[in-house]
């Protein structure tokens, strides 16, 4: 009985972690402090370590998992990327920043390992994903409130007349419209596919309401990246699943043209002045890469070099911006870790897609869900061309949880 509780406790903490992630730093404790989801992660590690010592079953899973871990492409590339991050600390301008980012990535590897090899049950994987649903419902309702009243919205996303095309840009509890948009994109396509395959009318109605609210929230973020991601995601589902979804894409596209604020925001895709900031950031990254092509400047150190390069090249300076991120995960990795970090980084991404394609071909029970997940992850990677989304903890943790669950399913199908 004791052994069973110890094994189950890790699973329950993971479920709690999934629930807590969007609310990091947001829930006050009795002591007047804030609860951070990282504290839950620490509990997961402590519980797992205790279980390793006292539970034979956990030790057996660990040994078997460790062998598999170092024979799987995704995890091999993850370890190579971590090694390049740790190596970069030695030559980083800001060593503490490099260390922190390396530790953060290490936590994703640990989470990945525990979910894939210790949880290791299909029904538990499904339940972990189900934990996301009530949080999504909470977020989209909060988003509607933010978008109509401005309540619970950071004042920097409440605009005066003439500052922006909309008075509000919603953020949920994620603190940033682009981050919130990425979170919604990660889950909307699996839910669309679940809706498409659901037979129970009541469940189908509930899923349709959630998907519609998620779409409205994506619109209200006014995140061009999320909008583009949604369009590409539907296109992927059309190719992989059914051409009938083209009517959804056409309906959404044509409908958007008749909403003035949406129409105006779409026009900014081709407005150079609206994209000038990112172009300048990318030019700085290009100069850094040219000077440091092999090993980069150090993990997380682009922001440290931003001010240095804008002093040297004042034409690349963005007004009122200091220590500004590159807004492109690929350029971030290449500029900070060089070729030795970029190769395993791309190896991770390609390996994930190969695994997912194989999973879709082998799985019968959850095939449509995995098609939705594949669409979401492809879109998420495309969105990383315009933002550092793979380095935003609240979103990235969900990304690695999804990858770990898919990898776990793949292992069970062998």
Foldseek 3Di string as FASTA:
>chain_A
DVLVVLLVVLLVLLLVLLLCLLCAQPDADPVRGTHGSVVSLVVSVVSLVVSCVVPPVSVVLVVVLVVVLCVALLSVLLVLLLVLLVVQLVQAPDNVLSVVLSVLSVSLSVVLSCLQRRVLDLVSLVVSVVSVVVVLVQQLVVLVCCLPPVPPHDCVQQDDPPPALGRGAGDRSNNALLLSLLQLLLPLLLLVLCLVPDDDPVVNVVSVVSNVSSVVNNVSNLDVLSVVLVLQLLVLCCVVPNVVSVVVSVVVVVVLCPPVRSVVSVVCVPPCVSCVLLVLLVVLLVVLCVVPAAAANHQPCSLVCPVVVCVVVVVSDDPPDHSDDNQAQLSNQCRHGHPSNNVSVVSNLVSLLVLLVVLLVQDDPSNSSSSSSSSSSVSSNVSNRGGNNCSSVSRVSVVSSVSSSSSSSSVVSD
